[in-house]
Amino acid sequence: IGSSSRLFDVNAAAYHYAGATDGQEIAAALSTALVYLRAMEKRGLALEKAANLISFTFAVDAEFFASIAKLRAARQLWSSMLTACGVDAASVPMSITARSADRMFTRYDPWVNMLRGTAACFAGAVGGADAVTVMPYDFATAESSGFGRRIARNVQSILMEESSLDKVIDPAAGSGFLEALT
């Protein structure tokens, strides 16, 4: 198993879809991760090695400031939790996949979903996600079309190429508003 392999995914998006707040989503994710850590420790795996096997999936939506703050807060709290467990948090960065939230899509006006998906993708990138999944704009209508899937893929490329989001290490750093929201 390589050092970048993640065998366990804590999918907190399910809590988001059930109506959880951002804080509840983070709390559920970290609680689940702690259960995983303790179970692996009980089976003889060092906590640092166990923590490196865990990745996280969070839902991001069109409320991009809140989504950015959620991802940033999750990283900070993961680091604090690892430190409390006696693990060098700097050696175990949190691996986050941001997924556009299902509950933000509408079936009655699917064209506006393109904007919502773009805002969610932006939030994931600025929030520091390692990977971003954007659902097709026609996701809620029934079976998504090839065009919808193409737009979902292209949103990420356009944001990267046009906004240079991949060129900045932490685009939200120094923003008083985002720091306070985080």
N, C-alpha and C. Protein backbone atom coordinates (compact mmCIF):
# COMPACT_ATOMS: atom_id res chain seq x y z
N ILE A 1 0.86 -1.18 0.00
CA ILE A 1 0.00 0.00 0.00
C ILE A 1 0.90 1.23 0.00
N GLY A 2 0.73 2.07 -0.99
CA GLY A 2 1.52 3.30 -1.08
C GLY A 2 1.10 4.32 -0.04
N SER A 3 1.94 5.32 0.16
CA SER A 3 1.64 6.33 1.18
C SER A 3 0.46 7.21 0.78
N SER A 4 0.12 7.23 -0.51
CA SER A 4 -1.00 8.07 -0.94
C SER A 4 -2.30 7.27 -1.06
N SER A 5 -2.26 5.96 -0.78
CA SER A 5 -3.46 5.14 -0.87
C SER A 5 -4.40 5.43 0.29
N ARG A 6 -5.66 5.59 -0.01
CA ARG A 6 -6.67 5.82 1.02
C ARG A 6 -7.70 4.70 0.91
N LEU A 7 -7.75 3.85 1.90
CA LEU A 7 -8.63 2.69 1.85
C LEU A 7 -10.03 2.96 2.39
N PHE A 8 -10.16 3.95 3.26
CA PHE A 8 -11.43 4.24 3.91
C PHE A 8 -11.87 5.65 3.54
N ASP A 9 -13.11 5.77 3.07
CA ASP A 9 -13.65 7.09 2.76
C ASP A 9 -14.78 7.40 3.72
N VAL A 10 -14.63 8.50 4.43
CA VAL A 10 -15.69 8.98 5.31
C VAL A 10 -16.55 9.91 4.46
N ASN A 11 -17.71 9.42 4.06
CA ASN A 11 -18.57 10.18 3.16
C ASN A 11 -19.59 10.97 3.99
N ALA A 12 -19.23 12.20 4.29
CA ALA A 12 -20.10 13.06 5.09
C ALA A 12 -21.20 13.69 4.26
N ALA A 13 -21.12 13.55 2.94
CA ALA A 13 -22.15 14.12 2.08
C ALA A 13 -23.53 13.53 2.40
N ALA A 14 -23.57 12.30 2.84
CA ALA A 14 -24.85 11.67 3.19
C ALA A 14 -25.56 12.46 4.29
N TYR A 15 -24.80 12.99 5.23
CA TYR A 15 -25.40 13.80 6.30
C TYR A 15 -25.92 15.12 5.74
N HIS A 16 -25.17 15.68 4.80
CA HIS A 16 -25.60 16.93 4.15
C HIS A 16 -26.94 16.72 3.45
N TYR A 17 -27.04 15.61 2.71
CA TYR A 17 -28.27 15.33 1.97
C TYR A 17 -29.45 15.10 2.90
N ALA A 18 -29.16 14.64 4.12
CA ALA A 18 -30.23 14.39 5.10
C ALA A 18 -30.64 15.67 5.84
N GLY A 19 -29.98 16.79 5.53
CA GLY A 19 -30.36 18.07 6.13
C GLY A 19 -29.43 18.58 7.20
N ALA A 20 -28.30 17.93 7.39
CA ALA A 20 -27.35 18.38 8.42
C ALA A 20 -26.77 19.75 8.07
N THR A 21 -26.45 20.52 9.09
CA THR A 21 -25.76 21.78 8.88
C THR A 21 -24.29 21.47 8.57
N ASP A 22 -23.56 22.49 8.18
CA ASP A 22 -22.14 22.30 7.89
C ASP A 22 -21.39 21.79 9.12
N GLY A 23 -21.71 22.35 10.27
CA GLY A 23 -21.06 21.93 11.51
C GLY A 23 -21.39 20.48 11.85
N GLN A 24 -22.65 20.09 11.65
CA GLN A 24 -23.05 18.71 11.92
C GLN A 24 -22.38 17.74 10.95
N GLU A 25 -22.22 18.19 9.71
CA GLU A 25 -21.56 17.34 8.70
C GLU A 25 -20.10 17.10 9.08
N ILE A 26 -19.41 18.14 9.51
CA ILE A 26 -18.02 17.99 9.94
C ILE A 26 -17.94 17.11 11.18
N ALA A 27 -18.83 17.35 12.15
CA ALA A 27 -18.82 16.56 13.38
C ALA A 27 -19.05 15.08 13.09
N ALA A 28 -19.98 14.77 12.21
CA ALA A 28 -20.25 13.37 11.87
C ALA A 28 -19.04 12.76 11.16
N ALA A 29 -18.41 13.51 10.29
CA ALA A 29 -17.24 13.01 9.58
C ALA A 29 -16.09 12.71 10.53
N LEU A 30 -15.81 13.64 11.41
CA LEU A 30 -14.70 13.44 12.34
C LEU A 30 -15.00 12.34 13.36
N SER A 31 -16.25 12.22 13.78
CA SER A 31 -16.63 11.14 14.69
C SER A 31 -16.43 9.79 14.02
N THR A 32 -16.84 9.69 12.78
CA THR A 32 -16.67 8.45 12.02
C THR A 32 -15.19 8.14 11.85
N ALA A 33 -14.41 9.15 11.50
CA ALA A 33 -12.97 8.95 11.33
C ALA A 33 -12.32 8.48 12.62
N LEU A 34 -12.75 9.03 13.74
CA LEU A 34 -12.19 8.61 15.03
C LEU A 34 -12.52 7.14 15.33
N VAL A 35 -13.73 6.72 15.00
CA VAL A 35 -14.10 5.31 15.18
C VAL A 35 -13.19 4.43 14.31
N TYR A 36 -12.95 4.86 13.06
CA TYR A 36 -12.05 4.11 12.17
C TYR A 36 -10.64 4.05 12.76
N LEU A 37 -10.16 5.19 13.24
CA LEU A 37 -8.81 5.23 13.81
C LEU A 37 -8.69 4.28 15.00
N ARG A 38 -9.66 4.32 15.90
CA ARG A 38 -9.61 3.46 17.09
C ARG A 38 -9.71 1.98 16.72
N ALA A 39 -10.53 1.66 15.72
CA ALA A 39 -10.65 0.26 15.29
C ALA A 39 -9.34 -0.23 14.68
N MET A 40 -8.69 0.61 13.89
CA MET A 40 -7.41 0.21 13.29
C MET A 40 -6.31 0.12 14.35
N GLU A 41 -6.36 1.03 15.34
CA GLU A 41 -5.38 0.99 16.42
C GLU A 41 -5.55 -0.29 17.24
N LYS A 42 -6.79 -0.66 17.47
CA LYS A 42 -7.08 -1.87 18.25
C LYS A 42 -6.53 -3.12 17.54
N ARG A 43 -6.44 -3.05 16.23
CA ARG A 43 -5.92 -4.18 15.46
C ARG A 43 -4.42 -4.08 15.21
N GLY A 44 -3.76 -3.15 15.94
CA GLY A 44 -2.31 -3.08 15.91
C GLY A 44 -1.68 -2.11 14.93
N LEU A 45 -2.49 -1.31 14.25
CA LEU A 45 -1.96 -0.34 13.30
C LEU A 45 -1.65 0.97 14.02
N ALA A 46 -0.49 1.53 13.77
CA ALA A 46 -0.12 2.81 14.38
C ALA A 46 -1.10 3.89 13.93
N LEU A 47 -1.43 4.81 14.83
CA LEU A 47 -2.42 5.84 14.52
C LEU A 47 -2.02 6.68 13.30
N GLU A 48 -0.75 7.02 13.18
CA GLU A 48 -0.32 7.83 12.04
C GLU A 48 -0.56 7.09 10.73
N LYS A 49 -0.23 5.81 10.71
CA LYS A 49 -0.45 5.01 9.51
C LYS A 49 -1.95 4.86 9.24
N ALA A 50 -2.72 4.65 10.29
CA ALA A 50 -4.17 4.52 10.16
C ALA A 50 -4.79 5.80 9.62
N ALA A 51 -4.36 6.93 10.13
CA ALA A 51 -4.90 8.22 9.68
C ALA A 51 -4.61 8.46 8.20
N ASN A 52 -3.48 7.95 7.73
CA ASN A 52 -3.13 8.11 6.32
C ASN A 52 -3.97 7.24 5.40
N LEU A 53 -4.77 6.35 5.96
CA LEU A 53 -5.63 5.48 5.16
C LEU A 53 -7.04 6.04 5.00
N ILE A 54 -7.31 7.19 5.62
CA ILE A 54 -8.66 7.75 5.63
C ILE A 54 -8.74 8.97 4.71
N SER A 55 -9.78 8.99 3.89
CA SER A 55 -10.09 10.17 3.08
C SER A 55 -11.51 10.62 3.43
N PHE A 56 -11.86 11.81 3.01
CA PHE A 56 -13.17 12.39 3.35
C PHE A 56 -13.86 12.89 2.09
N THR A 57 -15.18 12.77 2.07
CA THR A 57 -16.00 13.36 1.00
C THR A 57 -17.00 14.29 1.66
N PHE A 58 -17.00 15.54 1.21
CA PHE A 58 -17.95 16.53 1.72
C PHE A 58 -18.77 17.08 0.57
N ALA A 59 -20.02 17.42 0.86
CA ALA A 59 -20.87 18.07 -0.13
C ALA A 59 -20.58 19.56 -0.13
N VAL A 60 -20.50 20.13 -1.31
CA VAL A 60 -20.38 21.59 -1.46
C VAL A 60 -21.55 22.04 -2.33
N ASP A 61 -22.05 23.23 -2.04
CA ASP A 61 -23.20 23.69 -2.81
C ASP A 61 -23.00 25.11 -3.31
N ALA A 62 -24.07 25.71 -3.79
CA ALA A 62 -23.98 27.04 -4.39
C ALA A 62 -23.71 28.14 -3.37
N GLU A 63 -23.86 27.87 -2.11
CA GLU A 63 -23.49 28.84 -1.08
C GLU A 63 -22.00 28.69 -0.85
N PHE A 64 -21.24 29.28 -1.77
CA PHE A 64 -19.81 28.97 -1.82
C PHE A 64 -19.02 29.47 -0.63
N PHE A 65 -19.37 30.58 -0.01
CA PHE A 65 -18.61 31.03 1.16
C PHE A 65 -18.73 30.01 2.30
N ALA A 66 -19.94 29.52 2.53
CA ALA A 66 -20.15 28.52 3.59
C ALA A 66 -19.43 27.22 3.24
N SER A 67 -19.44 26.83 1.98
CA SER A 67 -18.77 25.59 1.57
C SER A 67 -17.26 25.71 1.70
N ILE A 68 -16.71 26.85 1.33
CA ILE A 68 -15.27 27.08 1.47
C ILE A 68 -14.89 26.99 2.94
N ALA A 69 -15.65 27.68 3.79
CA ALA A 69 -15.37 27.68 5.23
C ALA A 69 -15.50 26.27 5.81
N LYS A 70 -16.47 25.50 5.32
CA LYS A 70 -16.65 24.13 5.83
C LYS A 70 -15.40 23.29 5.56
N LEU A 71 -14.88 23.34 4.35
CA LEU A 71 -13.69 22.54 4.02
C LEU A 71 -12.48 22.99 4.81
N ARG A 72 -12.33 24.31 4.97
CA ARG A 72 -11.20 24.83 5.74
C ARG A 72 -11.32 24.44 7.22
N ALA A 73 -12.53 24.52 7.76
CA ALA A 73 -12.74 24.14 9.17
C ALA A 73 -12.50 22.65 9.37
N ALA A 74 -12.93 21.85 8.41
CA ALA A 74 -12.72 20.40 8.52
C ALA A 74 -11.23 20.08 8.59
N ARG A 75 -10.42 20.74 7.77
CA ARG A 75 -8.97 20.52 7.82
C ARG A 75 -8.39 20.90 9.18
N GLN A 76 -8.81 22.05 9.69
CA GLN A 76 -8.30 22.51 10.98
C GLN A 76 -8.70 21.55 12.10
N LEU A 77 -9.94 21.10 12.09
CA LEU A 77 -10.42 20.21 13.14
C LEU A 77 -9.79 18.82 13.03
N TRP A 78 -9.55 18.34 11.82
CA TRP A 78 -8.84 17.07 11.62
C TRP A 78 -7.44 17.16 12.22
N SER A 79 -6.78 18.26 11.96
CA SER A 79 -5.44 18.47 12.51
C SER A 79 -5.48 18.50 14.04
N SER A 80 -6.44 19.19 14.61
CA SER A 80 -6.59 19.25 16.07
C SER A 80 -6.89 17.88 16.66
N MET A 81 -7.74 17.12 15.99
CA MET A 81 -8.09 15.80 16.48
C MET A 81 -6.87 14.88 16.47
N LEU A 82 -6.10 14.93 15.40
CA LEU A 82 -4.90 14.09 15.31
C LEU A 82 -3.89 14.47 16.39
N THR A 83 -3.73 15.76 16.61
CA THR A 83 -2.81 16.22 17.65
C THR A 83 -3.27 15.71 19.01
N ALA A 84 -4.57 15.75 19.27
CA ALA A 84 -5.10 15.25 20.54
C ALA A 84 -4.89 13.74 20.68
N CYS A 85 -4.80 13.04 19.56
CA CYS A 85 -4.55 11.59 19.59
C CYS A 85 -3.06 11.27 19.66
N GLY A 86 -2.22 12.31 19.66
CA GLY A 86 -0.78 12.09 19.75
C GLY A 86 -0.10 11.86 18.42
N VAL A 87 -0.74 12.24 17.34
CA VAL A 87 -0.19 12.07 16.00
C VAL A 87 0.32 13.42 15.50
N ASP A 88 1.46 13.41 14.82
CA ASP A 88 1.98 14.63 14.21
C ASP A 88 1.07 14.97 13.04
N ALA A 89 0.20 15.95 13.23
CA ALA A 89 -0.81 16.31 12.23
C ALA A 89 -0.20 16.76 10.91
N ALA A 90 0.99 17.34 10.95
CA ALA A 90 1.63 17.80 9.72
C ALA A 90 1.97 16.64 8.79
N SER A 91 2.15 15.45 9.35
CA SER A 91 2.50 14.29 8.53
C SER A 91 1.28 13.57 7.97
N VAL A 92 0.08 14.02 8.35
CA VAL A 92 -1.15 13.37 7.88
C VAL A 92 -2.12 14.44 7.37
N PRO A 93 -1.90 14.94 6.16
CA PRO A 93 -2.83 15.93 5.63
C PRO A 93 -4.19 15.30 5.33
N MET A 94 -5.23 16.06 5.52
CA MET A 94 -6.58 15.57 5.25
C MET A 94 -6.80 15.50 3.75
N SER A 95 -7.24 14.37 3.27
CA SER A 95 -7.55 14.18 1.86
C SER A 95 -9.05 14.39 1.67
N ILE A 96 -9.42 15.43 0.92
CA ILE A 96 -10.83 15.80 0.77
C ILE A 96 -11.26 15.71 -0.69
N THR A 97 -12.40 15.06 -0.90
CA THR A 97 -13.10 15.13 -2.18
C THR A 97 -14.35 15.97 -1.95
N ALA A 98 -14.51 17.00 -2.74
CA ALA A 98 -15.71 17.83 -2.66
C ALA A 98 -16.66 17.37 -3.77
N ARG A 99 -17.91 17.17 -3.42
CA ARG A 99 -18.90 16.70 -4.39
C ARG A 99 -20.05 17.67 -4.40
N SER A 100 -20.47 18.07 -5.60
CA SER A 100 -21.59 19.01 -5.65
C SER A 100 -22.82 18.36 -5.03
N ALA A 101 -23.48 19.12 -4.19
CA ALA A 101 -24.59 18.61 -3.39
C ALA A 101 -25.81 18.30 -4.23
N ASP A 102 -26.33 17.11 -4.05
CA ASP A 102 -27.53 16.70 -4.78
C ASP A 102 -28.71 17.61 -4.47
N ARG A 103 -28.83 18.03 -3.22
CA ARG A 103 -30.03 18.76 -2.81
C ARG A 103 -30.11 20.17 -3.36
N MET A 104 -29.06 20.66 -3.99
CA MET A 104 -29.14 22.02 -4.55
C MET A 104 -29.68 22.02 -5.98
N PHE A 105 -29.76 20.86 -6.60
CA PHE A 105 -30.22 20.78 -7.99
C PHE A 105 -31.74 20.78 -8.07
N THR A 106 -32.26 21.44 -9.08
CA THR A 106 -33.70 21.49 -9.29
C THR A 106 -34.04 20.76 -10.58
N ARG A 107 -35.17 20.11 -10.59
CA ARG A 107 -35.60 19.43 -11.82
C ARG A 107 -36.47 20.34 -12.67
N TYR A 108 -37.00 21.42 -12.08
CA TYR A 108 -37.94 22.28 -12.79
C TYR A 108 -37.24 23.32 -13.66
N ASP A 109 -36.03 23.68 -13.33
CA ASP A 109 -35.25 24.64 -14.14
C ASP A 109 -33.80 24.16 -14.18
N PRO A 110 -33.53 23.09 -14.93
CA PRO A 110 -32.20 22.49 -14.88
C PRO A 110 -31.09 23.40 -15.38
N TRP A 111 -31.41 24.40 -16.18
CA TRP A 111 -30.35 25.26 -16.73
C TRP A 111 -29.65 26.06 -15.64
N VAL A 112 -30.36 26.43 -14.59
CA VAL A 112 -29.74 27.16 -13.49
C VAL A 112 -28.77 26.25 -12.71
N ASN A 113 -28.93 24.94 -12.87
CA ASN A 113 -28.04 24.00 -12.21
C ASN A 113 -26.60 24.12 -12.71
N MET A 114 -26.42 24.62 -13.93
CA MET A 114 -25.05 24.85 -14.43
C MET A 114 -24.35 25.88 -13.55
N LEU A 115 -25.06 26.92 -13.18
CA LEU A 115 -24.48 27.95 -12.31
C LEU A 115 -24.22 27.39 -10.92
N ARG A 116 -25.15 26.61 -10.43
CA ARG A 116 -24.98 26.01 -9.10
C ARG A 116 -23.78 25.06 -9.07
N GLY A 117 -23.66 24.26 -10.11
CA GLY A 117 -22.52 23.35 -10.20
C GLY A 117 -21.19 24.09 -10.29
N THR A 118 -21.19 25.19 -11.02
CA THR A 118 -19.97 26.00 -11.13
C THR A 118 -19.60 26.61 -9.79
N ALA A 119 -20.60 27.13 -9.07
CA ALA A 119 -20.34 27.71 -7.74
C ALA A 119 -19.82 26.65 -6.78
N ALA A 120 -20.37 25.46 -6.83
CA ALA A 120 -19.92 24.37 -5.95
C ALA A 120 -18.49 23.96 -6.30
N CYS A 121 -18.19 23.88 -7.58
CA CYS A 121 -16.84 23.53 -8.02
C CYS A 121 -15.84 24.58 -7.55
N PHE A 122 -16.20 25.84 -7.69
CA PHE A 122 -15.36 26.94 -7.23
C PHE A 122 -15.11 26.82 -5.73
N ALA A 123 -16.17 26.54 -4.97
CA ALA A 123 -16.04 26.41 -3.51
C ALA A 123 -15.11 25.27 -3.15
N GLY A 124 -15.24 24.15 -3.84
CA GLY A 124 -14.36 23.02 -3.57
C GLY A 124 -12.90 23.34 -3.83
N ALA A 125 -12.65 24.01 -4.94
CA ALA A 125 -11.27 24.36 -5.29
C ALA A 125 -10.68 25.38 -4.31
N VAL A 126 -11.42 26.42 -4.01
CA VAL A 126 -10.93 27.46 -3.10
C VAL A 126 -10.84 26.93 -1.67
N GLY A 127 -11.74 26.02 -1.31
CA GLY A 127 -11.72 25.43 0.02
C GLY A 127 -10.59 24.45 0.24
N GLY A 128 -9.89 24.09 -0.82
CA GLY A 128 -8.72 23.23 -0.68
C GLY A 128 -8.97 21.75 -0.90
N ALA A 129 -10.04 21.41 -1.61
CA ALA A 129 -10.30 19.99 -1.89
C ALA A 129 -9.21 19.43 -2.80
N ASP A 130 -8.88 18.17 -2.58
CA ASP A 130 -7.90 17.49 -3.41
C ASP A 130 -8.53 17.02 -4.72
N ALA A 131 -9.82 16.78 -4.70
CA ALA A 131 -10.57 16.37 -5.88
C ALA A 131 -11.96 16.98 -5.80
N VAL A 132 -12.52 17.29 -6.95
CA VAL A 132 -13.87 17.88 -7.01
C VAL A 132 -14.69 17.08 -8.02
N THR A 133 -15.89 16.69 -7.61
CA THR A 133 -16.82 16.01 -8.50
C THR A 133 -18.02 16.92 -8.70
N VAL A 134 -18.31 17.25 -9.96
CA VAL A 134 -19.46 18.09 -10.28
C VAL A 134 -20.50 17.21 -10.96
N MET A 135 -21.70 17.23 -10.44
CA MET A 135 -22.78 16.45 -11.04
C MET A 135 -23.31 17.18 -12.27
N PRO A 136 -23.83 16.44 -13.28
CA PRO A 136 -24.39 17.08 -14.48
C PRO A 136 -25.57 17.97 -14.13
N TYR A 137 -25.75 19.03 -14.89
CA TYR A 137 -26.82 20.00 -14.60
C TYR A 137 -28.19 19.37 -14.69
N ASP A 138 -28.34 18.31 -15.47
CA ASP A 138 -29.64 17.66 -15.62
C ASP A 138 -29.75 16.42 -14.73
N PHE A 139 -28.93 16.35 -13.72
CA PHE A 139 -28.87 15.24 -12.79
C PHE A 139 -30.23 14.95 -12.14
N ALA A 140 -30.97 15.98 -11.77
CA ALA A 140 -32.23 15.80 -11.04
C ALA A 140 -33.42 15.50 -11.94
N THR A 141 -33.27 15.63 -13.23
CA THR A 141 -34.42 15.46 -14.12
C THR A 141 -34.74 14.00 -14.41
N ALA A 142 -33.79 13.18 -14.48
CA ALA A 142 -33.94 11.74 -14.72
C ALA A 142 -32.55 11.22 -15.04
N GLU A 143 -32.41 10.71 -16.23
CA GLU A 143 -31.09 10.24 -16.66
C GLU A 143 -30.35 11.42 -17.29
N SER A 144 -29.15 11.69 -16.80
CA SER A 144 -28.42 12.84 -17.34
C SER A 144 -27.94 12.55 -18.75
N SER A 145 -27.87 13.61 -19.52
CA SER A 145 -27.49 13.50 -20.93
C SER A 145 -25.98 13.55 -21.09
N GLY A 146 -25.52 13.19 -22.26
CA GLY A 146 -24.10 13.30 -22.58
C GLY A 146 -23.65 14.75 -22.50
N PHE A 147 -24.52 15.67 -22.93
CA PHE A 147 -24.18 17.09 -22.86
C PHE A 147 -24.03 17.54 -21.41
N GLY A 148 -24.93 17.07 -20.54
CA GLY A 148 -24.86 17.42 -19.12
C GLY A 148 -23.56 16.94 -18.48
N ARG A 149 -23.17 15.72 -18.83
CA ARG A 149 -21.91 15.18 -18.30
C ARG A 149 -20.71 15.94 -18.86
N ARG A 150 -20.79 16.33 -20.11
CA ARG A 150 -19.69 17.10 -20.71
C ARG A 150 -19.53 18.46 -20.03
N ILE A 151 -20.63 19.14 -19.79
CA ILE A 151 -20.58 20.43 -19.10
C ILE A 151 -20.00 20.26 -17.70
N ALA A 152 -20.40 19.21 -16.99
CA ALA A 152 -19.88 18.95 -15.64
C ALA A 152 -18.37 18.78 -15.66
N ARG A 153 -17.85 18.07 -16.66
CA ARG A 153 -16.39 17.89 -16.77
C ARG A 153 -15.71 19.21 -17.15
N ASN A 154 -16.33 19.95 -18.05
CA ASN A 154 -15.70 21.18 -18.54
C ASN A 154 -15.69 22.31 -17.52
N VAL A 155 -16.64 22.32 -16.60
CA VAL A 155 -16.68 23.36 -15.56
C VAL A 155 -15.35 23.39 -14.81
N GLN A 156 -14.85 22.23 -14.46
CA GLN A 156 -13.59 22.15 -13.72
C GLN A 156 -12.43 22.68 -14.55
N SER A 157 -12.40 22.31 -15.82
CA SER A 157 -11.32 22.77 -16.70
C SER A 157 -11.37 24.27 -16.92
N ILE A 158 -12.57 24.79 -17.10
CA ILE A 158 -12.72 26.23 -17.34
C ILE A 158 -12.29 27.02 -16.10
N LEU A 159 -12.73 26.58 -14.91
CA LEU A 159 -12.32 27.28 -13.69
C LEU A 159 -10.80 27.23 -13.51
N MET A 160 -10.21 26.10 -13.83
CA MET A 160 -8.77 25.96 -13.68
C MET A 160 -8.03 26.85 -14.69
N GLU A 161 -8.46 26.81 -15.94
CA GLU A 161 -7.76 27.56 -16.99
C GLU A 161 -8.05 29.06 -16.93
N GLU A 162 -9.30 29.43 -16.73
CA GLU A 162 -9.68 30.84 -16.77
C GLU A 162 -9.43 31.58 -15.46
N SER A 163 -9.56 30.87 -14.34
CA SER A 163 -9.40 31.52 -13.05
C SER A 163 -8.06 31.22 -12.40
N SER A 164 -7.30 30.32 -12.98
CA SER A 164 -5.99 29.91 -12.45
C SER A 164 -6.09 29.44 -11.00
N LEU A 165 -7.17 28.75 -10.67
CA LEU A 165 -7.34 28.27 -9.29
C LEU A 165 -6.30 27.24 -8.90
N ASP A 166 -5.70 26.59 -9.90
CA ASP A 166 -4.67 25.60 -9.60
C ASP A 166 -3.29 26.21 -9.39
N LYS A 167 -3.17 27.52 -9.56
CA LYS A 167 -1.88 28.18 -9.43
C LYS A 167 -1.65 28.80 -8.05
N VAL A 168 -2.68 28.84 -7.23
CA VAL A 168 -2.61 29.47 -5.92
C VAL A 168 -2.75 28.39 -4.85
N ILE A 169 -1.84 28.38 -3.89
CA ILE A 169 -1.86 27.33 -2.87
C ILE A 169 -3.10 27.43 -1.99
N ASP A 170 -3.41 28.61 -1.48
CA ASP A 170 -4.57 28.79 -0.61
C ASP A 170 -5.25 30.10 -0.97
N PRO A 171 -6.14 30.08 -1.96
CA PRO A 171 -6.77 31.32 -2.42
C PRO A 171 -7.57 32.06 -1.35
N ALA A 172 -8.05 31.34 -0.34
CA ALA A 172 -8.87 31.98 0.69
C ALA A 172 -8.07 32.54 1.86
N ALA A 173 -6.78 32.26 1.89
CA ALA A 173 -5.94 32.72 3.01
C ALA A 173 -5.91 34.24 3.08
N GLY A 174 -6.03 34.75 4.26
CA GLY A 174 -5.96 36.18 4.46
C GLY A 174 -7.28 36.91 4.33
N SER A 175 -8.32 36.21 3.89
CA SER A 175 -9.62 36.84 3.79
C SER A 175 -10.24 36.88 5.17
N GLY A 176 -10.37 38.06 5.73
CA GLY A 176 -10.93 38.20 7.07
C GLY A 176 -12.30 37.58 7.19
N PHE A 177 -13.13 37.76 6.16
CA PHE A 177 -14.46 37.20 6.17
C PHE A 177 -14.44 35.68 6.24
N LEU A 178 -13.63 35.06 5.38
CA LEU A 178 -13.57 33.60 5.37
C LEU A 178 -12.89 33.03 6.62
N GLU A 179 -11.89 33.74 7.12
CA GLU A 179 -11.24 33.28 8.35
C GLU A 179 -12.25 33.30 9.50
N ALA A 180 -13.06 34.35 9.59
CA ALA A 180 -14.06 34.43 10.66
C ALA A 180 -15.16 33.38 10.46
N LEU A 181 -15.57 33.16 9.21
CA LEU A 181 -16.59 32.17 8.93
C LEU A 181 -16.09 30.75 9.22
N THR A 182 -14.82 30.52 8.93
CA THR A 182 -14.21 29.21 9.21
C THR A 182 -14.20 28.96 10.70
